[in-house]
Amino acid sequence: MRNFLFVILGLASLVSCDNQNKVNQEVATETKASETSKPLQINNPIIKDKFTADPAALVHEDTVYLYAGHDEAPNDFHFYRMNEWLVFSSTNMVDWEEHPVPLKPTDFSWAKGDAWAAQVIERNGKFYWYVTVEHDDTHPGKAIGVAVSDSPIGPFKDALGLALVTNDMTTDTDISWDDIDPTVFMDGDQAYLYWGNTKCYWAKLKDNMIEFDGDIHTVDLPHFTEAPWIHKKGDWYYLSYAYQFPEKTAYAMSKSIEGPWEYKGILNELAGNSNTNHQAILEYKGKDYFIYHTGGIQPNGGSFRRSVCIDELKYNEDGTLKRVVMTSEGIQK
């Protein structure tokens, strides 16, 4: 009996020693990893020397071009003051080079001002920039114009000489700012423009990219506010948009860019210290990114002094989107 107990105690001792050795090895591994791993950098917002808002992005020749409005509201001014658009480029989503101002509302002879949300797309070697501006008194209200350039960094010039969309062309609402936030998408050889506030509109574009090819249509989406963005992954088309106010980001999915669209839920929560929530989505070097703005620059960031941020976008196996996790660290090298 005594020998048996000695055997049991011996085995228990061996097991205990083995477990302790495993714990020691794990601790040593974790310690070594913590000693050799780099501390994460605080990379959001990505532009820290000025306020940027309403991001849009384009991948061209292995470079990402980021387009944004420039928030210039003084600290005691409680509305948008935006007099120009900005462009930045990057090859790693972390380091951004700013280029000369490529476009202003004053470049459109028929516009009064307001460099609101816009997007650039490339077709046949030219870059078309669809922008929101305030139209002059001949067509009061917000309008959508088109500028063109031979380079993604400009300079751009008015491609049409007049607005593509004016407030009197859309009568589903009686507000003067329902024609804002254009997003453009190439589906094969056919270009589509989506836009709107309180009502989501879309239309086909002709091959020249400066005229509509057919009627303007509408999409019925739950709590649609503004900021539509179209992207595609695999067989699915995604329509994300600003939802309610203050704004979250929600999304819908379809097998066709013309719909029908099935609402899928919230994609991004309220974007810290900002009433608005405006997104761009793109794939770059095998990873997917969610680009958005917050009021996150200290100490004077806010709804009228916003800043562009970037975090990863992730998909579920069925193609639905995972909720975006907004971080201070953002994208690391």
Protein backbone atom coordinates (compact mmCIF):
# COMPACT_ATOMS: atom_id res chain seq x y z
CA MET A 1 0.00 0.00 0.00
CA ARG A 2 2.81 2.38 0.96
CA ASN A 3 4.62 1.63 -2.31
CA PHE A 4 1.42 2.31 -4.21
CA LEU A 5 1.05 5.69 -2.53
CA PHE A 6 4.63 6.55 -3.34
CA VAL A 7 3.94 5.72 -6.98
CA ILE A 8 0.78 7.91 -7.03
CA LEU A 9 2.59 10.79 -5.32
CA GLY A 10 5.49 10.45 -7.74
CA LEU A 11 3.20 10.58 -10.75
CA ALA A 12 1.37 13.59 -9.32
CA SER A 13 4.68 15.32 -8.79
CA LEU A 14 5.72 14.64 -12.36
CA VAL A 15 2.40 15.98 -13.72
CA SER A 16 2.71 19.07 -11.52
CA CYS A 17 6.26 19.71 -12.71
CA ASP A 18 5.23 19.20 -16.32
CA ASN A 19 2.35 21.68 -15.97
CA GLN A 20 4.62 24.20 -14.29
CA ASN A 21 7.16 23.82 -17.08
CA LYS A 22 4.42 24.51 -19.65
CA VAL A 23 3.31 27.60 -17.74
CA ASN A 24 6.91 28.82 -17.54
CA GLN A 25 7.38 28.25 -21.27
CA GLU A 26 4.15 30.15 -22.07
CA VAL A 27 5.14 33.06 -19.85
CA ALA A 28 8.60 33.15 -21.41
CA THR A 29 7.09 33.09 -24.91
CA GLU A 30 4.65 35.91 -24.08
CA THR A 31 7.42 37.94 -22.47
CA LYS A 32 9.68 37.47 -25.50
CA ALA A 33 6.83 38.41 -27.85
CA SER A 34 6.04 41.54 -25.85
CA GLU A 35 9.70 42.51 -25.85
CA THR A 36 10.09 42.09 -29.63
CA SER A 37 6.69 43.36 -30.89
CA LYS A 38 6.35 47.00 -31.83
CA PRO A 39 3.92 49.16 -29.86
CA LEU A 40 0.87 50.11 -31.92
CA GLN A 41 0.87 53.62 -33.30
CA ILE A 42 -2.11 55.97 -32.92
CA ASN A 43 -2.87 56.43 -36.63
CA ASN A 44 -6.45 57.74 -36.50
CA PRO A 45 -7.26 60.36 -37.63
CA ILE A 46 -4.96 59.87 -40.61
CA ILE A 47 -4.60 63.61 -41.38
CA LYS A 48 -3.79 65.63 -38.27
CA ASP A 49 -2.74 69.07 -39.54
CA LYS A 50 -6.14 70.07 -40.95
CA PHE A 51 -9.75 68.99 -40.79
CA THR A 52 -10.98 66.58 -43.48
CA ALA A 53 -14.45 65.17 -44.13
CA ASP A 54 -16.66 63.13 -46.48
CA PRO A 55 -13.93 60.75 -47.68
CA ALA A 56 -13.90 59.02 -51.05
CA ALA A 57 -11.11 56.82 -52.36
CA LEU A 58 -9.79 55.41 -55.62
CA VAL A 59 -7.12 52.79 -56.35
CA HIS A 60 -5.06 53.59 -59.46
CA GLU A 61 -1.77 51.95 -60.46
CA ASP A 62 -1.16 50.46 -56.99
CA THR A 63 -1.72 53.79 -55.26
CA VAL A 64 -4.70 54.86 -53.16
CA TYR A 65 -5.99 58.38 -53.77
CA LEU A 66 -8.06 59.83 -50.96
CA TYR A 67 -10.42 62.72 -51.71
CA ALA A 68 -11.97 64.79 -48.92
CA GLY A 69 -13.70 68.04 -48.23
CA HIS A 70 -11.79 70.59 -46.15
CA ASP A 71 -13.63 71.65 -42.96
CA GLU A 72 -12.60 75.24 -42.26
CA ALA A 73 -15.23 76.33 -39.73
CA PRO A 74 -13.82 78.49 -36.92
CA ASN A 75 -14.28 77.17 -33.38
CA ASP A 76 -17.21 79.52 -32.74
CA PHE A 77 -18.93 78.81 -36.09
CA HIS A 78 -21.57 76.10 -35.85
CA PHE A 79 -22.15 75.06 -39.43
CA TYR A 80 -20.13 73.79 -42.38
CA ARG A 81 -17.57 76.05 -44.00
CA MET A 82 -16.01 74.14 -46.89
CA ASN A 83 -14.31 76.04 -49.71
CA GLU A 84 -12.21 73.35 -51.40
CA TRP A 85 -11.58 69.66 -51.85
CA LEU A 86 -8.29 67.98 -50.97
CA VAL A 87 -6.43 64.97 -52.35
CA PHE A 88 -3.88 62.69 -50.67
CA SER A 89 -2.10 59.54 -51.86
CA SER A 90 -0.62 56.49 -50.15
CA THR A 91 0.89 53.11 -50.96
CA ASN A 92 0.48 51.63 -47.46
CA MET A 93 -2.73 53.22 -46.06
CA VAL A 94 -0.67 54.80 -43.26
CA ASP A 95 1.62 57.44 -44.77
CA TRP A 96 -0.31 60.05 -46.77
CA GLU A 97 1.14 62.61 -49.16
CA GLU A 98 -0.91 65.75 -49.70
CA HIS A 99 -1.09 67.20 -53.21
CA PRO A 100 -2.00 70.75 -54.30
CA VAL A 101 -5.68 71.64 -54.03
CA PRO A 102 -7.21 70.02 -57.14
CA LEU A 103 -10.68 71.59 -57.23
CA LYS A 104 -12.86 74.30 -55.68
CA PRO A 105 -16.54 75.22 -56.09
CA THR A 106 -15.37 78.43 -57.75
CA ASP A 107 -14.11 76.26 -60.65
CA PHE A 108 -17.79 75.86 -61.60
CA SER A 109 -19.06 79.16 -63.01
CA TRP A 110 -22.65 78.32 -62.05
CA ALA A 111 -21.90 77.41 -58.39
CA LYS A 112 -22.05 79.70 -55.35
CA GLY A 113 -19.91 77.55 -53.02
CA ASP A 114 -19.93 74.64 -50.54
CA ALA A 115 -17.43 71.85 -51.27
CA TRP A 116 -19.61 69.07 -49.91
CA ALA A 117 -19.27 65.30 -50.43
CA ALA A 118 -17.84 64.08 -53.74
CA GLN A 119 -16.29 61.03 -55.45
CA VAL A 120 -13.78 60.40 -58.26
CA ILE A 121 -13.83 57.52 -60.73
CA GLU A 122 -11.55 56.64 -63.65
CA ARG A 123 -12.78 55.75 -67.13
CA ASN A 124 -10.78 55.46 -70.35
CA GLY A 125 -7.78 57.27 -68.91
CA LYS A 126 -9.76 60.22 -67.56
CA PHE A 127 -10.81 60.94 -63.98
CA TYR A 128 -14.34 62.19 -63.35
CA TRP A 129 -15.16 63.96 -60.09
CA TYR A 130 -18.82 64.14 -59.07
CA VAL A 131 -19.27 66.90 -56.50
CA THR A 132 -21.91 68.56 -54.34
CA VAL A 133 -22.11 72.35 -54.49
CA GLU A 134 -24.62 75.14 -53.92
CA HIS A 135 -26.07 76.27 -57.26
CA ASP A 136 -26.49 79.93 -58.11
CA ASP A 137 -29.91 81.58 -58.08
CA THR A 138 -30.87 80.24 -61.51
CA HIS A 139 -31.45 76.82 -59.87
CA PRO A 140 -31.55 77.42 -56.09
CA GLY A 141 -30.45 74.60 -53.85
CA LYS A 142 -27.79 71.94 -53.80
CA ALA A 143 -26.61 70.52 -57.12
CA ILE A 144 -24.23 67.89 -58.48
CA GLY A 145 -21.50 68.87 -60.91
CA VAL A 146 -18.85 66.90 -62.80
CA ALA A 147 -15.18 67.83 -63.17
CA VAL A 148 -12.58 66.01 -65.26
CA SER A 149 -8.82 65.58 -65.31
CA ASP A 150 -6.14 63.49 -66.98
CA SER A 151 -4.60 62.79 -63.55
CA PRO A 152 -6.04 61.51 -60.26
CA ILE A 153 -4.47 64.51 -58.49
CA GLY A 154 -5.76 67.08 -60.96
CA PRO A 155 -6.06 69.85 -61.67
CA PHE A 156 -9.72 69.29 -62.51
CA LYS A 157 -12.02 71.47 -64.60
CA ASP A 158 -15.77 71.60 -65.16
CA ALA A 159 -16.58 68.83 -67.63
CA LEU A 160 -20.10 69.93 -68.52
CA GLY A 161 -20.39 73.70 -68.09
CA LEU A 162 -23.60 73.26 -66.09
CA ALA A 163 -24.92 71.03 -63.31
CA LEU A 164 -25.66 67.37 -63.93
CA VAL A 165 -28.38 67.41 -61.25
CA THR A 166 -30.32 70.43 -59.99
CA ASN A 167 -32.90 70.63 -57.23
CA ASP A 168 -35.81 71.03 -59.65
CA MET A 169 -35.02 67.64 -61.25
CA THR A 170 -35.97 65.68 -58.12
CA THR A 171 -39.37 66.38 -56.60
CA ASP A 172 -39.83 63.48 -54.17
CA THR A 173 -39.04 65.85 -51.30
CA ASP A 174 -39.60 69.58 -50.90
CA ILE A 175 -36.17 70.34 -49.40
CA SER A 176 -33.42 72.16 -51.27
CA TRP A 177 -30.60 69.83 -50.22
CA ASP A 178 -31.79 66.40 -51.40
CA ASP A 179 -29.32 66.38 -54.33
CA ILE A 180 -26.08 65.78 -52.45
CA ASP A 181 -23.46 63.08 -51.79
CA PRO A 182 -22.93 61.50 -55.23
CA THR A 183 -21.34 58.06 -55.47
CA VAL A 184 -20.47 56.56 -58.84
CA PHE A 185 -19.81 52.93 -59.74
CA MET A 186 -18.73 51.16 -62.92
CA ASP A 187 -20.63 47.90 -63.45
CA GLY A 188 -18.82 46.50 -66.47
CA ASP A 189 -19.09 49.21 -69.12
CA GLN A 190 -22.14 50.84 -67.53
CA ALA A 191 -21.69 53.69 -65.04
CA TYR A 192 -24.25 54.40 -62.33
CA LEU A 193 -24.70 57.45 -60.12
CA TYR A 194 -26.37 57.24 -56.70
CA TRP A 195 -27.03 60.28 -54.51
CA GLY A 196 -29.53 61.91 -52.17
CA ASN A 197 -30.69 63.19 -48.80
CA THR A 198 -33.89 61.78 -47.20
CA LYS A 199 -34.48 60.05 -50.55
CA CYS A 200 -31.94 57.83 -52.34
CA TYR A 201 -31.81 58.45 -56.11
CA TRP A 202 -29.97 56.64 -58.90
CA ALA A 203 -29.55 56.87 -62.66
CA LYS A 204 -27.44 55.41 -65.44
CA LEU A 205 -24.73 57.56 -67.00
CA LYS A 206 -23.95 57.68 -70.69
CA ASP A 207 -20.50 56.63 -71.90
CA ASN A 208 -19.39 60.28 -71.85
CA MET A 209 -19.95 60.27 -68.04
CA ILE A 210 -21.58 63.72 -68.08
CA GLU A 211 -25.16 62.90 -69.12
CA PHE A 212 -27.87 60.62 -67.77
CA ASP A 213 -28.93 57.64 -69.85
CA GLY A 214 -32.60 57.32 -68.91
CA ASP A 215 -34.77 58.27 -65.98
CA ILE A 216 -33.93 58.99 -62.36
CA HIS A 217 -35.06 56.20 -60.02
CA THR A 218 -35.42 55.91 -56.25
CA VAL A 219 -34.50 53.25 -53.68
CA ASP A 220 -36.56 52.72 -50.54
CA LEU A 221 -34.17 52.16 -47.62
CA PRO A 222 -34.93 52.19 -43.88
CA HIS A 223 -34.07 55.56 -42.28
CA PHE A 224 -32.05 56.74 -45.27
CA THR A 225 -30.45 60.10 -44.51
CA GLU A 226 -27.62 60.62 -47.02
CA ALA A 227 -24.10 59.45 -48.02
CA PRO A 228 -24.78 56.44 -50.28
CA TRP A 229 -21.73 54.41 -51.33
CA ILE A 230 -21.73 51.48 -53.77
CA HIS A 231 -19.14 48.71 -53.77
CA LYS A 232 -19.00 45.10 -54.93
CA LYS A 233 -17.42 41.97 -53.45
CA GLY A 234 -17.77 38.65 -55.23
CA ASP A 235 -21.33 38.37 -56.54
CA TRP A 236 -22.78 40.88 -54.10
CA TYR A 237 -23.39 44.58 -54.49
CA TYR A 238 -23.41 46.65 -51.31
CA LEU A 239 -25.22 49.94 -50.77
CA SER A 240 -24.09 51.59 -47.54
CA TYR A 241 -25.51 54.88 -46.33
CA ALA A 242 -25.94 57.29 -43.43
CA TYR A 243 -28.80 56.08 -41.23
CA GLN A 244 -30.94 58.35 -38.99
CA PHE A 245 -29.56 61.51 -37.36
CA PRO A 246 -27.14 61.74 -35.64
CA GLU A 247 -25.93 59.29 -38.23
CA LYS A 248 -24.89 55.68 -38.03
CA THR A 249 -23.95 53.73 -41.17
CA ALA A 250 -26.28 50.99 -42.39
CA TYR A 251 -26.16 48.81 -45.50
CA ALA A 252 -28.19 46.74 -47.94
CA MET A 253 -27.20 43.98 -50.37
CA SER A 254 -28.30 42.93 -53.84
CA LYS A 255 -27.32 40.65 -56.69
CA SER A 256 -27.85 43.60 -59.07
CA ILE A 257 -26.76 47.21 -58.84
CA GLU A 258 -30.30 48.14 -59.87
CA GLY A 259 -31.75 46.20 -56.94
CA PRO A 260 -33.91 45.05 -55.34
CA TRP A 261 -31.89 45.89 -52.21
CA GLU A 262 -32.28 43.91 -48.99
CA TYR A 263 -31.57 45.85 -45.81
CA LYS A 264 -28.99 44.06 -43.62
CA GLY A 265 -28.49 46.32 -40.61
CA ILE A 266 -26.03 48.66 -38.95
CA LEU A 267 -22.44 48.69 -40.22
CA ASN A 268 -20.91 51.50 -38.18
CA GLU A 269 -22.05 53.17 -34.96
CA LEU A 270 -22.13 56.91 -34.26
CA ALA A 271 -18.75 58.25 -35.32
CA GLY A 272 -17.36 59.94 -32.19
CA ASN A 273 -18.21 63.60 -31.66
CA SER A 274 -19.75 64.04 -35.13
CA ASN A 275 -23.42 64.19 -36.11
CA THR A 276 -22.59 62.96 -39.61
CA ASN A 277 -21.13 59.64 -40.70
CA HIS A 278 -19.77 59.40 -44.24
CA GLN A 279 -17.99 56.31 -45.56
CA ALA A 280 -15.86 55.05 -48.42
CA ILE A 281 -15.10 51.35 -48.89
CA LEU A 282 -12.32 49.83 -50.97
CA GLU A 283 -10.09 46.79 -51.38
CA TYR A 284 -6.35 47.38 -51.60
CA LYS A 285 -3.56 44.80 -51.75
CA GLY A 286 -5.89 42.01 -50.63
CA LYS A 287 -7.40 43.82 -47.64
CA ASP A 288 -10.69 45.65 -47.24
CA TYR A 289 -10.93 49.08 -45.66
CA PHE A 290 -13.65 51.26 -44.18
CA ILE A 291 -12.84 54.97 -44.48
CA TYR A 292 -14.94 57.41 -42.47
CA HIS A 293 -14.79 60.65 -40.53
CA THR A 294 -15.15 61.57 -36.87
CA GLY A 295 -14.82 64.74 -34.82
CA GLY A 296 -11.81 63.16 -33.20
CA ILE A 297 -8.96 65.69 -33.45
CA GLN A 298 -8.31 67.27 -30.08
CA PRO A 299 -9.13 69.81 -28.81
CA ASN A 300 -11.46 71.42 -31.38
CA GLY A 301 -12.80 68.54 -33.46
CA GLY A 302 -16.55 68.21 -33.86
CA SER A 303 -19.45 68.02 -36.29
CA PHE A 304 -18.11 70.94 -38.36
CA ARG A 305 -14.40 70.16 -37.89
CA ARG A 306 -14.14 66.51 -38.83
CA SER A 307 -11.25 64.15 -39.53
CA VAL A 308 -10.85 61.11 -41.79
CA CYS A 309 -10.08 57.75 -40.15
CA ILE A 310 -9.51 54.23 -41.52
CA ASP A 311 -10.16 50.79 -40.05
CA GLU A 312 -10.44 47.32 -41.54
CA LEU A 313 -13.69 46.01 -43.02
CA LYS A 314 -14.47 42.33 -42.52
CA TYR A 315 -16.97 39.99 -44.19
CA ASN A 316 -18.88 36.98 -42.89
CA GLU A 317 -18.88 33.72 -44.87
CA ASP A 318 -22.34 34.46 -46.25
CA GLY A 319 -21.19 37.81 -47.62
CA THR A 320 -22.75 39.99 -44.95
CA LEU A 321 -20.58 42.62 -43.33
CA LYS A 322 -19.24 42.51 -39.80
CA ARG A 323 -19.78 45.58 -37.64
CA VAL A 324 -16.91 48.03 -38.08
CA VAL A 325 -14.67 48.41 -35.03
CA MET A 326 -13.51 52.03 -34.86
CA THR A 327 -10.07 52.31 -33.28
CA SER A 328 -7.55 54.96 -32.35
CA GLU A 329 -4.77 52.77 -33.74
CA GLY A 330 -6.33 52.39 -37.18
CA ILE A 331 -4.12 50.74 -39.82
CA GLN A 332 -0.55 49.76 -38.93
CA LYS A 333 2.42 49.37 -41.26
